[in-house]
């Protein structure tokens, strides 16, 4: 039965990860409501020969899928040059521009996601309900309780979804009319003592740790910056109690994900085919606050003071010395290196 007059289109940019993309699209096709959903695929052109084998496999798979699928429509855009994933005119942005005049919201997914059968029902329910609420910025399909006692924190929370000052871009619903420019990047926050201290004070100290960990990588970690935007401005994203998305990029192929397959193994994925979104207030719930605090500030077994002080020390070292502790030349002690830089007794 069709629940909504208009179903949000799904946008998936891809390039060469055939196994991941195959799993992604096949699981999406099995979702309740797939027959009412338009799916837009952007197959980017390989930037070098090492990407061509996987790219050709995806191209062949899509050629067959275009002939027979269970979606309302499957639209494949094959790029004739490499558009990339960042910057103006990137592969995903081109798909967004294509649907802009036809839809008021859409679902964006990476090509390494696997979807629960009720993913589309959850996403469309949230996109429709909160489309006029200025305090809800995204509908997030992925729930990963990093280093947190999720069940312990959320045991008394009565609803099947919740608002949180957090964001996860692994399968996300976006409104086109809720326009705002994300003012923060990894680099801009690390360059600001004020923003860094504010981040730690608000209970997102691990964001600074993540920025320092990814310091030399190209990505500006937009998901983490979006999370901080929500925290700084008391804005919310909606999350499911049981994840509707499982991300397989932790096998080392994800752009911003470490090679840590344990996260693939432990992530729960909903198995239900249907979903009815509970009615709840958009506010900060004590259970959610406790859960977010454990994920981003005080994981079980670690005190808040110890965690925040550890992150702050690493940041102070970086700001004064100009490098991270792990970047100090081999054979030099961190304390000596720091003091020489601090008092400028001689050039390092």
C-alpha atoms as a PDB file:
ATOM      1  CA  UNK A   1       0.000   0.000   0.000  1.00  0.00           C
ATOM      2  CA  UNK A   2       1.322   3.431  -0.939  1.00  0.00           C
ATOM      3  CA  UNK A   3       1.724   5.529   2.222  1.00  0.00           C
ATOM      4  CA  UNK A   4       2.904   8.833   0.780  1.00  0.00           C
ATOM      5  CA  UNK A   5       1.838  10.809  -2.245  1.00  0.00           C
ATOM      6  CA  UNK A   6       5.465  11.384  -3.166  1.00  0.00           C
ATOM      7  CA  UNK A   7       8.338   9.115  -2.176  1.00  0.00           C
ATOM      8  CA  UNK A   8      11.759  10.664  -1.793  1.00  0.00           C
ATOM      9  CA  UNK A   9      14.203   9.736  -4.563  1.00  0.00           C
ATOM     10  CA  UNK A  10      17.404   7.947  -3.601  1.00  0.00           C
ATOM     11  CA  UNK A  11      20.738   9.285  -4.872  1.00  0.00           C
ATOM     12  CA  UNK A  12      23.807   7.018  -4.975  1.00  0.00           C
ATOM     13  CA  UNK A  13      27.125   8.117  -6.486  1.00  0.00           C
ATOM     14  CA  UNK A  14      29.549   5.263  -7.226  1.00  0.00           C
ATOM     15  CA  UNK A  15      32.764   4.452  -9.042  1.00  0.00           C
ATOM     16  CA  UNK A  16      34.437   1.058  -8.706  1.00  0.00           C
ATOM     17  CA  UNK A  17      33.505  -0.856  -5.528  1.00  0.00           C
ATOM     18  CA  UNK A  18      31.391  -3.475  -7.259  1.00  0.00           C
ATOM     19  CA  UNK A  19      30.717  -5.821  -4.321  1.00  0.00           C
ATOM     20  CA  UNK A  20      29.653  -2.952  -2.085  1.00  0.00           C
ATOM     21  CA  UNK A  21      27.507  -1.309  -4.733  1.00  0.00           C
ATOM     22  CA  UNK A  22      25.826  -4.588  -5.674  1.00  0.00           C
ATOM     23  CA  UNK A  23      24.892  -5.221  -2.027  1.00  0.00           C
ATOM     24  CA  UNK A  24      23.682  -1.635  -1.704  1.00  0.00           C
ATOM     25  CA  UNK A  25      21.350  -1.590  -4.687  1.00  0.00           C
ATOM     26  CA  UNK A  26      20.017  -5.111  -4.183  1.00  0.00           C
ATOM     27  CA  UNK A  27      19.113  -4.365  -0.557  1.00  0.00           C
ATOM     28  CA  UNK A  28      17.454  -1.097  -1.591  1.00  0.00           C
ATOM     29  CA  UNK A  29      15.384  -2.961  -4.158  1.00  0.00           C
ATOM     30  CA  UNK A  30      14.085  -5.276  -1.415  1.00  0.00           C
ATOM     31  CA  UNK A  31      12.847  -2.364   0.707  1.00  0.00           C
ATOM     32  CA  UNK A  32       9.153  -1.837   1.292  1.00  0.00           C
ATOM     33  CA  UNK A  33       8.147   1.041  -0.988  1.00  0.00           C
ATOM     34  CA  UNK A  34      10.884   0.463  -3.569  1.00  0.00           C
ATOM     35  CA  UNK A  35       8.238   0.210  -6.272  1.00  0.00           C
ATOM     36  CA  UNK A  36       7.279   3.851  -5.614  1.00  0.00           C
ATOM     37  CA  UNK A  37      10.850   5.142  -5.423  1.00  0.00           C
ATOM     38  CA  UNK A  38      12.980   6.694  -8.148  1.00  0.00           C
ATOM     39  CA  UNK A  39      16.676   5.833  -7.817  1.00  0.00           C
ATOM     40  CA  UNK A  40      19.399   7.983  -9.371  1.00  0.00           C
ATOM     41  CA  UNK A  41      22.824   6.431  -9.851  1.00  0.00           C
ATOM     42  CA  UNK A  42      25.870   8.499 -10.775  1.00  0.00           C
ATOM     43  CA  UNK A  43      28.584   6.234 -12.211  1.00  0.00           C
ATOM     44  CA  UNK A  44      31.707   8.367 -12.156  1.00  0.00           C
ATOM     45  CA  UNK A  45      34.459   7.996 -14.735  1.00  0.00           C
ATOM     46  CA  UNK A  46      37.624   6.358 -13.378  1.00  0.00           C
ATOM     47  CA  UNK A  47      40.461   8.817 -12.702  1.00  0.00           C
ATOM     48  CA  UNK A  48      43.110   6.167 -13.447  1.00  0.00           C
ATOM     49  CA  UNK A  49      43.478   2.604 -14.728  1.00  0.00           C
ATOM     50  CA  UNK A  50      43.429   1.014 -11.258  1.00  0.00           C
ATOM     51  CA  UNK A  51      39.734   1.872 -10.926  1.00  0.00           C
ATOM     52  CA  UNK A  52      38.637   0.566 -14.332  1.00  0.00           C
ATOM     53  CA  UNK A  53      38.035  -3.094 -13.514  1.00  0.00           C
ATOM     54  CA  UNK A  54      35.511  -2.377 -10.763  1.00  0.00           C
ATOM     55  CA  UNK A  55      34.004   0.438 -12.829  1.00  0.00           C
ATOM     56  CA  UNK A  56      33.415  -1.917 -15.774  1.00  0.00           C
ATOM     57  CA  UNK A  57      31.755  -4.490 -13.511  1.00  0.00           C
ATOM     58  CA  UNK A  58      29.373  -1.856 -12.138  1.00  0.00           C
ATOM     59  CA  UNK A  59      28.637  -0.589 -15.645  1.00  0.00           C
ATOM     60  CA  UNK A  60      27.773  -4.106 -16.833  1.00  0.00           C
ATOM     61  CA  UNK A  61      25.626  -4.761 -13.762  1.00  0.00           C
ATOM     62  CA  UNK A  62      23.735  -1.493 -14.230  1.00  0.00           C
ATOM     63  CA  UNK A  63      23.148  -2.210 -17.917  1.00  0.00           C
ATOM     64  CA  UNK A  64      21.275  -5.362 -16.907  1.00  0.00           C
ATOM     65  CA  UNK A  65      19.548  -3.678 -13.983  1.00  0.00           C
ATOM     66  CA  UNK A  66      18.215  -0.923 -16.211  1.00  0.00           C
ATOM     67  CA  UNK A  67      16.321  -3.557 -18.189  1.00  0.00           C
ATOM     68  CA  UNK A  68      14.657  -5.185 -15.185  1.00  0.00           C
ATOM     69  CA  UNK A  69      14.267  -3.791 -11.657  1.00  0.00           C
ATOM     70  CA  UNK A  70      11.589  -3.238  -9.019  1.00  0.00           C
ATOM     71  CA  UNK A  71      11.964   0.511  -8.609  1.00  0.00           C
ATOM     72  CA  UNK A  72       9.509   3.085  -9.879  1.00  0.00           C
ATOM     73  CA  UNK A  73      12.384   4.210 -12.080  1.00  0.00           C
ATOM     74  CA  UNK A  74      16.120   3.579 -12.215  1.00  0.00           C
ATOM     75  CA  UNK A  75      18.077   6.449 -13.746  1.00  0.00           C
ATOM     76  CA  UNK A  76      21.782   5.910 -14.424  1.00  0.00           C
ATOM     77  CA  UNK A  77      24.070   8.818 -15.288  1.00  0.00           C
ATOM     78  CA  UNK A  78      27.393   7.658 -16.681  1.00  0.00           C
ATOM     79  CA  UNK A  79      29.985  10.436 -16.406  1.00  0.00           C
ATOM     80  CA  UNK A  80      32.313  10.995 -19.369  1.00  0.00           C
ATOM     81  CA  UNK A  81      35.015  12.456 -17.093  1.00  0.00           C
ATOM     82  CA  UNK A  82      35.933  12.088 -13.441  1.00  0.00           C
ATOM     83  CA  UNK A  83      33.733  14.385 -11.331  1.00  0.00           C
ATOM     84  CA  UNK A  84      35.030  13.207  -7.963  1.00  0.00           C
ATOM     85  CA  UNK A  85      33.211  13.364  -4.631  1.00  0.00           C
ATOM     86  CA  UNK A  86      34.212  16.835  -3.432  1.00  0.00           C
ATOM     87  CA  UNK A  87      33.955  20.360  -4.771  1.00  0.00           C
ATOM     88  CA  UNK A  88      31.520  22.025  -7.124  1.00  0.00           C
ATOM     89  CA  UNK A  89      30.082  19.771  -9.807  1.00  0.00           C
ATOM     90  CA  UNK A  90      31.023  16.527  -8.040  1.00  0.00           C
ATOM     91  CA  UNK A  91      29.250  13.299  -8.928  1.00  0.00           C
ATOM     92  CA  UNK A  92      26.710  13.447  -6.100  1.00  0.00           C
ATOM     93  CA  UNK A  93      26.035  17.173  -6.479  1.00  0.00           C
ATOM     94  CA  UNK A  94      25.157  16.672 -10.141  1.00  0.00           C
ATOM     95  CA  UNK A  95      22.493  14.148  -9.130  1.00  0.00           C
ATOM     96  CA  UNK A  96      21.059  16.575  -6.575  1.00  0.00           C
ATOM     97  CA  UNK A  97      20.801  19.295  -9.216  1.00  0.00           C
ATOM     98  CA  UNK A  98      18.933  16.884 -11.451  1.00  0.00           C
ATOM     99  CA  UNK A  99      16.161  16.201  -8.933  1.00  0.00           C
ATOM    100  CA  UNK A 100      16.002  19.713  -7.474  1.00  0.00           C
ATOM    101  CA  UNK A 101      13.035  20.978  -9.489  1.00  0.00           C
ATOM    102  CA  UNK A 102      10.995  17.794  -9.100  1.00  0.00           C
ATOM    103  CA  UNK A 103      11.282  17.002  -5.385  1.00  0.00           C
ATOM    104  CA  UNK A 104      11.344  18.871  -2.076  1.00  0.00           C
ATOM    105  CA  UNK A 105      13.532  16.291  -0.336  1.00  0.00           C
ATOM    106  CA  UNK A 106      15.736  13.317  -1.172  1.00  0.00           C
ATOM    107  CA  UNK A 107      17.747  10.456   0.328  1.00  0.00           C
ATOM    108  CA  UNK A 108      21.510  10.406  -0.155  1.00  0.00           C
ATOM    109  CA  UNK A 109      23.560   7.257   0.259  1.00  0.00           C
ATOM    110  CA  UNK A 110      27.143   6.129  -0.248  1.00  0.00           C
ATOM    111  CA  UNK A 111      27.602   3.000  -2.340  1.00  0.00           C
ATOM    112  CA  UNK A 112      28.832   0.876   0.592  1.00  0.00           C
ATOM    113  CA  UNK A 113      25.584   0.872   2.574  1.00  0.00           C
ATOM    114  CA  UNK A 114      23.236  -2.042   3.119  1.00  0.00           C
ATOM    115  CA  UNK A 115      19.610  -1.182   3.905  1.00  0.00           C
ATOM    116  CA  UNK A 116      17.057  -2.663   6.271  1.00  0.00           C
ATOM    117  CA  UNK A 117      13.777  -3.721   4.619  1.00  0.00           C
ATOM    118  CA  UNK A 118      11.976  -0.777   6.291  1.00  0.00           C
ATOM    119  CA  UNK A 119      14.621   1.822   5.418  1.00  0.00           C
ATOM    120  CA  UNK A 120      12.449   3.676   2.894  1.00  0.00           C
ATOM    121  CA  UNK A 121       9.417   3.674   5.203  1.00  0.00           C
ATOM    122  CA  UNK A 122      11.485   5.150   8.038  1.00  0.00           C
ATOM    123  CA  UNK A 123      13.129   7.790   5.829  1.00  0.00           C
ATOM    124  CA  UNK A 124       9.933   8.930   4.117  1.00  0.00           C
ATOM    125  CA  UNK A 125       8.027   9.072   7.418  1.00  0.00           C
ATOM    126  CA  UNK A 126      10.667  11.344   8.927  1.00  0.00           C
ATOM    127  CA  UNK A 127      11.073  13.527   5.844  1.00  0.00           C
ATOM    128  CA  UNK A 128       7.351  14.120   5.625  1.00  0.00           C
ATOM    129  CA  UNK A 129       6.725  14.715   9.344  1.00  0.00           C
ATOM    130  CA  UNK A 130       9.563  17.159   9.985  1.00  0.00           C
ATOM    131  CA  UNK A 131       9.676  19.011   6.683  1.00  0.00           C
ATOM    132  CA  UNK A 132       8.351  22.208   8.314  1.00  0.00           C
ATOM    133  CA  UNK A 133      10.284  21.923  11.575  1.00  0.00           C
ATOM    134  CA  UNK A 134      13.300  24.281  11.471  1.00  0.00           C
ATOM    135  CA  UNK A 135      14.996  22.498  14.383  1.00  0.00           C
ATOM    136  CA  UNK A 136      15.255  19.155  12.559  1.00  0.00           C
ATOM    137  CA  UNK A 137      17.978  19.241   9.911  1.00  0.00           C
ATOM    138  CA  UNK A 138      18.368  15.631   8.743  1.00  0.00           C
ATOM    139  CA  UNK A 139      16.829  12.164   8.951  1.00  0.00           C
ATOM    140  CA  UNK A 140      19.684   9.742   9.618  1.00  0.00           C
ATOM    141  CA  UNK A 141      19.316   6.049   8.824  1.00  0.00           C
ATOM    142  CA  UNK A 142      22.542   4.755  10.336  1.00  0.00           C
ATOM    143  CA  UNK A 143      22.967   4.189  14.065  1.00  0.00           C
ATOM    144  CA  UNK A 144      26.387   3.074  15.260  1.00  0.00           C
ATOM    145  CA  UNK A 145      26.870   3.134  19.064  1.00  0.00           C
ATOM    146  CA  UNK A 146      30.623   3.720  19.092  1.00  0.00           C
ATOM    147  CA  UNK A 147      32.202   2.549  22.356  1.00  0.00           C
ATOM    148  CA  UNK A 148      28.944   3.158  24.230  1.00  0.00           C
ATOM    149  CA  UNK A 149      26.578   1.120  26.359  1.00  0.00           C
ATOM    150  CA  UNK A 150      23.700   1.906  24.023  1.00  0.00           C
ATOM    151  CA  UNK A 151      21.153  -0.431  25.593  1.00  0.00           C
ATOM    152  CA  UNK A 152      22.068   0.752  29.069  1.00  0.00           C
ATOM    153  CA  UNK A 153      21.714   4.412  28.130  1.00  0.00           C
ATOM    154  CA  UNK A 154      18.487   4.055  26.151  1.00  0.00           C
ATOM    155  CA  UNK A 155      16.769   1.394  28.265  1.00  0.00           C
ATOM    156  CA  UNK A 156      14.032   3.737  29.522  1.00  0.00           C
ATOM    157  CA  UNK A 157      13.534   5.663  26.269  1.00  0.00           C
ATOM    158  CA  UNK A 158      10.054   4.688  25.016  1.00  0.00           C
ATOM    159  CA  UNK A 159      10.115   5.542  21.287  1.00  0.00           C
ATOM    160  CA  UNK A 160      11.367   3.825  18.112  1.00  0.00           C
ATOM    161  CA  UNK A 161      13.335   6.874  16.968  1.00  0.00           C
ATOM    162  CA  UNK A 162      14.901   9.848  18.720  1.00  0.00           C
ATOM    163  CA  UNK A 163      16.235  13.372  18.135  1.00  0.00           C
ATOM    164  CA  UNK A 164      19.932  13.960  18.825  1.00  0.00           C
ATOM    165  CA  UNK A 165      22.413  16.793  18.402  1.00  0.00           C
ATOM    166  CA  UNK A 166      24.395  14.529  16.124  1.00  0.00           C
ATOM    167  CA  UNK A 167      24.600  13.635  12.441  1.00  0.00           C
ATOM    168  CA  UNK A 168      25.485  10.525  10.483  1.00  0.00           C
ATOM    169  CA  UNK A 169      25.684  10.760   6.701  1.00  0.00           C
ATOM    170  CA  UNK A 170      25.565   7.021   5.940  1.00  0.00           C
ATOM    171  CA  UNK A 171      22.083   7.073   4.434  1.00  0.00           C
ATOM    172  CA  UNK A 172      20.539  10.468   5.149  1.00  0.00           C
ATOM    173  CA  UNK A 173      17.315  12.303   4.289  1.00  0.00           C
ATOM    174  CA  UNK A 174      17.740  15.935   3.239  1.00  0.00           C
ATOM    175  CA  UNK A 175      15.265  18.757   2.614  1.00  0.00           C
ATOM    176  CA  UNK A 176      16.097  21.054  -0.284  1.00  0.00           C
ATOM    177  CA  UNK A 177      14.408  24.072   1.314  1.00  0.00           C
ATOM    178  CA  UNK A 178      16.402  23.855   4.555  1.00  0.00           C
ATOM    179  CA  UNK A 179      19.366  25.714   3.176  1.00  0.00           C
ATOM    180  CA  UNK A 180      22.356  26.670   5.266  1.00  0.00           C
ATOM    181  CA  UNK A 181      26.078  26.808   4.727  1.00  0.00           C
ATOM    182  CA  UNK A 182      28.129  24.655   7.066  1.00  0.00           C
ATOM    183  CA  UNK A 183      30.496  27.248   8.559  1.00  0.00           C
ATOM    184  CA  UNK A 184      32.976  24.779  10.010  1.00  0.00           C
ATOM    185  CA  UNK A 185      35.662  22.498   8.633  1.00  0.00           C
ATOM    186  CA  UNK A 186      38.189  20.294  10.338  1.00  0.00           C
ATOM    187  CA  UNK A 187      40.883  22.899   9.677  1.00  0.00           C
ATOM    188  CA  UNK A 188      38.851  25.927  10.760  1.00  0.00           C
ATOM    189  CA  UNK A 189      37.954  24.357  14.108  1.00  0.00           C
ATOM    190  CA  UNK A 190      41.510  23.228  14.823  1.00  0.00           C
ATOM    191  CA  UNK A 191      42.752  26.762  14.091  1.00  0.00           C
ATOM    192  CA  UNK A 192      40.357  28.242  16.649  1.00  0.00           C
ATOM    193  CA  UNK A 193      41.066  27.942  20.384  1.00  0.00           C
ATOM    194  CA  UNK A 194      37.529  29.179  21.074  1.00  0.00           C
ATOM    195  CA  UNK A 195      35.761  26.586  18.892  1.00  0.00           C
ATOM    196  CA  UNK A 196      37.983  23.786  20.167  1.00  0.00           C
ATOM    197  CA  UNK A 197      37.339  24.651  23.826  1.00  0.00           C
ATOM    198  CA  UNK A 198      33.624  25.028  23.094  1.00  0.00           C
ATOM    199  CA  UNK A 199      33.583  21.590  21.466  1.00  0.00           C
ATOM    200  CA  UNK A 200      35.199  19.998  24.507  1.00  0.00           C
ATOM    201  CA  UNK A 201      32.987  21.913  26.969  1.00  0.00           C
ATOM    202  CA  UNK A 202      29.782  20.816  25.215  1.00  0.00           C
ATOM    203  CA  UNK A 203      30.798  17.165  25.461  1.00  0.00           C
ATOM    204  CA  UNK A 204      32.136  16.402  21.979  1.00  0.00           C
ATOM    205  CA  UNK A 205      35.815  16.107  22.900  1.00  0.00           C
ATOM    206  CA  UNK A 206      36.321  13.083  20.659  1.00  0.00           C
ATOM    207  CA  UNK A 207      35.622  15.292  17.656  1.00  0.00           C
ATOM    208  CA  UNK A 208      38.872  17.126  18.344  1.00  0.00           C
ATOM    209  CA  UNK A 209      40.641  13.798  18.741  1.00  0.00           C
ATOM    210  CA  UNK A 210      39.215  12.681  15.399  1.00  0.00           C
ATOM    211  CA  UNK A 211      40.319  15.912  13.712  1.00  0.00           C
ATOM    212  CA  UNK A 212      43.853  15.417  14.990  1.00  0.00           C
ATOM    213  CA  UNK A 213      43.824  11.770  13.973  1.00  0.00           C
ATOM    214  CA  UNK A 214      42.756  12.695  10.437  1.00  0.00           C
ATOM    215  CA  UNK A 215      44.921  15.835  10.310  1.00  0.00           C
ATOM    216  CA  UNK A 216      46.896  14.897   7.212  1.00  0.00           C
ATOM    217  CA  UNK A 217      43.955  13.460   5.266  1.00  0.00           C
ATOM    218  CA  UNK A 218      42.199  15.483   2.597  1.00  0.00           C
ATOM    219  CA  UNK A 219      38.666  15.135   3.944  1.00  0.00           C
ATOM    220  CA  UNK A 220      37.348  17.909   6.179  1.00  0.00           C
ATOM    221  CA  UNK A 221      35.117  15.356   7.962  1.00  0.00           C
ATOM    222  CA  UNK A 222      31.789  17.043   7.130  1.00  0.00           C
ATOM    223  CA  UNK A 223      29.794  14.582   9.274  1.00  0.00           C
ATOM    224  CA  UNK A 224      31.740  15.559  12.383  1.00  0.00           C
ATOM    225  CA  UNK A 225      31.471  19.268  11.514  1.00  0.00           C
ATOM    226  CA  UNK A 226      27.718  18.891  11.006  1.00  0.00           C
ATOM    227  CA  UNK A 227      27.496  17.251  14.420  1.00  0.00           C
ATOM    228  CA  UNK A 228      29.220  20.243  15.989  1.00  0.00           C
ATOM    229  CA  UNK A 229      26.972  22.644  14.083  1.00  0.00           C
ATOM    230  CA  UNK A 230      23.988  20.905  15.691  1.00  0.00           C
ATOM    231  CA  UNK A 231      25.588  21.090  19.142  1.00  0.00           C
ATOM    232  CA  UNK A 232      26.541  24.771  18.823  1.00  0.00           C
ATOM    233  CA  UNK A 233      23.060  25.761  17.580  1.00  0.00           C
ATOM    234  CA  UNK A 234      20.808  23.241  19.400  1.00  0.00           C
ATOM    235  CA  UNK A 235      19.606  21.633  16.180  1.00  0.00           C
ATOM    236  CA  UNK A 236      18.655  17.980  15.814  1.00  0.00           C
ATOM    237  CA  UNK A 237      18.779  15.022  13.480  1.00  0.00           C
ATOM    238  CA  UNK A 238      16.422  12.055  13.813  1.00  0.00           C
ATOM    239  CA  UNK A 239      17.880   8.587  14.431  1.00  0.00           C
ATOM    240  CA  UNK A 240      16.235   5.135  14.566  1.00  0.00           C
ATOM    241  CA  UNK A 241      16.408   3.011  17.722  1.00  0.00           C
ATOM    242  CA  UNK A 242      17.566   0.124  15.491  1.00  0.00           C
ATOM    243  CA  UNK A 243      19.779   1.041  12.563  1.00  0.00           C
ATOM    244  CA  UNK A 244      18.205   1.041   9.110  1.00  0.00           C
ATOM    245  CA  UNK A 245      21.641   1.163   7.471  1.00  0.00           C
ATOM    246  CA  UNK A 246      24.727  -1.021   7.826  1.00  0.00           C
ATOM    247  CA  UNK A 247      27.930   0.466   6.450  1.00  0.00           C
ATOM    248  CA  UNK A 248      30.510  -1.894   4.957  1.00  0.00           C
ATOM    249  CA  UNK A 249      33.208   0.733   4.402  1.00  0.00           C
ATOM    250  CA  UNK A 250      35.068  -0.282   7.540  1.00  0.00           C
ATOM    251  CA  UNK A 251      36.834  -2.932   5.484  1.00  0.00           C
ATOM    252  CA  UNK A 252      39.317  -0.226   4.579  1.00  0.00           C
ATOM    253  CA  UNK A 253      37.665   0.899   1.344  1.00  0.00           C
ATOM    254  CA  UNK A 254      35.723   3.784   2.916  1.00  0.00           C
ATOM    255  CA  UNK A 255      37.185   7.220   2.290  1.00  0.00           C
ATOM    256  CA  UNK A 256      36.958   8.407   5.912  1.00  0.00           C
ATOM    257  CA  UNK A 257      36.724   5.039   7.643  1.00  0.00           C
ATOM    258  CA  UNK A 258      39.587   3.192   9.239  1.00  0.00           C
ATOM    259  CA  UNK A 259      40.260  -0.432   8.340  1.00  0.00           C
ATOM    260  CA  UNK A 260      38.417  -1.854  11.326  1.00  0.00           C
ATOM    261  CA  UNK A 261      36.003  -4.660  10.343  1.00  0.00           C
ATOM    262  CA  UNK A 262      34.798  -5.139  13.933  1.00  0.00           C
ATOM    263  CA  UNK A 263      32.310  -2.312  13.399  1.00  0.00           C
ATOM    264  CA  UNK A 264      30.771  -4.257  10.514  1.00  0.00           C
ATOM    265  CA  UNK A 265      30.413  -7.330  12.699  1.00  0.00           C
ATOM    266  CA  UNK A 266      28.798  -5.646  15.693  1.00  0.00           C
ATOM    267  CA  UNK A 267      26.386  -3.284  13.932  1.00  0.00           C
ATOM    268  CA  UNK A 268      22.764  -4.387  14.218  1.00  0.00           C
ATOM    269  CA  UNK A 269      20.481  -3.977  11.202  1.00  0.00           C
ATOM    270  CA  UNK A 270      16.700  -3.929  11.520  1.00  0.00           C
ATOM    271  CA  UNK A 271      14.952  -6.906   9.906  1.00  0.00           C
ATOM    272  CA  UNK A 272      11.369  -5.616   9.957  1.00  0.00           C
ATOM    273  CA  UNK A 273       9.658  -4.826   6.642  1.00  0.00           C
ATOM    274  CA  UNK A 274       7.414  -2.089   8.067  1.00  0.00           C
ATOM    275  CA  UNK A 275       7.856   1.010  10.196  1.00  0.00           C
ATOM    276  CA  UNK A 276       5.467   3.447  11.889  1.00  0.00           C
ATOM    277  CA  UNK A 277       7.244   6.499  13.300  1.00  0.00           C
ATOM    278  CA  UNK A 278       6.379   7.225  16.927  1.00  0.00           C
ATOM    279  CA  UNK A 279       5.287  10.704  17.934  1.00  0.00           C
ATOM    280  CA  UNK A 280       7.771  12.434  20.261  1.00  0.00           C
ATOM    281  CA  UNK A 281       8.917  15.942  21.145  1.00  0.00           C
ATOM    282  CA  UNK A 282      11.983  17.481  19.554  1.00  0.00           C
ATOM    283  CA  UNK A 283      14.067  18.149  22.643  1.00  0.00           C
ATOM    284  CA  UNK A 284      17.105  16.860  24.533  1.00  0.00           C
ATOM    285  CA  UNK A 285      16.146  13.634  26.325  1.00  0.00           C
ATOM    286  CA  UNK A 286      18.210  12.478  29.295  1.00  0.00           C
ATOM    287  CA  UNK A 287      18.696   9.012  27.792  1.00  0.00           C
ATOM    288  CA  UNK A 288      19.917  10.414  24.482  1.00  0.00           C
ATOM    289  CA  UNK A 289      22.185  12.898  26.248  1.00  0.00           C
ATOM    290  CA  UNK A 290      23.767  10.042  28.198  1.00  0.00           C
ATOM    291  CA  UNK A 291      24.240   8.008  25.015  1.00  0.00           C
ATOM    292  CA  UNK A 292      25.743  10.916  23.050  1.00  0.00           C
ATOM    293  CA  UNK A 293      28.008  11.686  25.998  1.00  0.00           C
ATOM    294  CA  UNK A 294      29.378   8.152  26.025  1.00  0.00           C
ATOM    295  CA  UNK A 295      29.951   8.161  22.270  1.00  0.00           C
ATOM    296  CA  UNK A 296      31.711  11.489  21.975  1.00  0.00           C
ATOM    297  CA  UNK A 297      33.002  12.446  25.412  1.00  0.00           C
ATOM    298  CA  UNK A 298      33.099   9.779  28.105  1.00  0.00           C
ATOM    299  CA  UNK A 299      33.069   6.138  26.946  1.00  0.00           C
ATOM    300  CA  UNK A 300      32.452   3.465  29.610  1.00  0.00           C
ATOM    301  CA  UNK A 301      35.507   2.930  31.816  1.00  0.00           C
ATOM    302  CA  UNK A 302      36.928   6.418  31.266  1.00  0.00           C
ATOM    303  CA  UNK A 303      36.289   9.502  33.393  1.00  0.00           C
ATOM    304  CA  UNK A 304      35.136  12.729  31.816  1.00  0.00           C
ATOM    305  CA  UNK A 305      38.069  14.647  33.266  1.00  0.00           C
ATOM    306  CA  UNK A 306      40.619  12.149  31.967  1.00  0.00           C
ATOM    307  CA  UNK A 307      39.141  12.089  28.474  1.00  0.00           C
ATOM    308  CA  UNK A 308      38.792  15.852  28.118  1.00  0.00           C
ATOM    309  CA  UNK A 309      42.206  16.574  29.590  1.00  0.00           C
ATOM    310  CA  UNK A 310      43.831  14.014  27.309  1.00  0.00           C
ATOM    311  CA  UNK A 311      42.267  15.573  24.212  1.00  0.00           C
ATOM    312  CA  UNK A 312      43.093  19.077  25.398  1.00  0.00           C
ATOM    313  CA  UNK A 313      46.743  18.150  26.013  1.00  0.00           C
ATOM    314  CA  UNK A 314      47.024  16.715  22.508  1.00  0.00           C
ATOM    315  CA  UNK A 315      45.489  19.873  21.070  1.00  0.00           C
ATOM    316  CA  UNK A 316      47.755  22.218  23.070  1.00  0.00           C
ATOM    317  CA  UNK A 317      50.787  20.227  21.919  1.00  0.00           C
ATOM    318  CA  UNK A 318      49.657  20.507  18.305  1.00  0.00           C
ATOM    319  CA  UNK A 319      48.956  24.255  18.496  1.00  0.00           C
ATOM    320  CA  UNK A 320      52.281  25.126  20.141  1.00  0.00           C
ATOM    321  CA  UNK A 321      54.571  22.679  18.366  1.00  0.00           C
ATOM    322  CA  UNK A 322      52.774  22.645  15.027  1.00  0.00           C
ATOM    323  CA  UNK A 323      52.727  18.850  14.772  1.00  0.00           C
ATOM    324  CA  UNK A 324      50.989  16.002  16.544  1.00  0.00           C
ATOM    325  CA  UNK A 325      52.783  13.897  19.115  1.00  0.00           C
ATOM    326  CA  UNK A 326      52.939  10.947  16.718  1.00  0.00           C
ATOM    327  CA  UNK A 327      54.596  13.141  14.072  1.00  0.00           C
ATOM    328  CA  UNK A 328      57.680  13.901  16.173  1.00  0.00           C
ATOM    329  CA  UNK A 329      60.852  12.587  14.487  1.00  0.00           C
ATOM    330  CA  UNK A 330      61.860   9.155  15.708  1.00  0.00           C
ATOM    331  CA  UNK A 331      64.269   9.181  18.624  1.00  0.00           C
ATOM    332  CA  UNK A 332      63.100  12.498  20.089  1.00  0.00           C
ATOM    333  CA  UNK A 333      61.141  12.667  23.339  1.00  0.00           C
ATOM    334  CA  UNK A 334      57.805  14.491  23.129  1.00  0.00           C
ATOM    335  CA  UNK A 335      58.400  16.517  26.311  1.00  0.00           C
ATOM    336  CA  UNK A 336      61.827  17.722  25.167  1.00  0.00           C
ATOM    337  CA  UNK A 337      60.498  18.530  21.708  1.00  0.00           C
ATOM    338  CA  UNK A 338      57.624  20.505  23.250  1.00  0.00           C
ATOM    339  CA  UNK A 339      59.819  22.513  25.643  1.00  0.00           C
ATOM    340  CA  UNK A 340      62.305  23.453  22.944  1.00  0.00           C
ATOM    341  CA  UNK A 341      59.472  24.752  20.803  1.00  0.00           C
ATOM    342  CA  UNK A 342      57.768  26.512  23.713  1.00  0.00           C
ATOM    343  CA  UNK A 343      60.820  28.423  24.863  1.00  0.00           C
ATOM    344  CA  UNK A 344      62.390  28.668  21.403  1.00  0.00           C
ATOM    345  CA  UNK A 345      65.905  27.882  22.680  1.00  0.00           C
ATOM    346  CA  UNK A 346      66.896  26.670  19.231  1.00  0.00           C
ATOM    347  CA  UNK A 347      65.344  25.721  15.906  1.00  0.00           C
ATOM    348  CA  UNK A 348      63.855  22.264  15.773  1.00  0.00           C
END
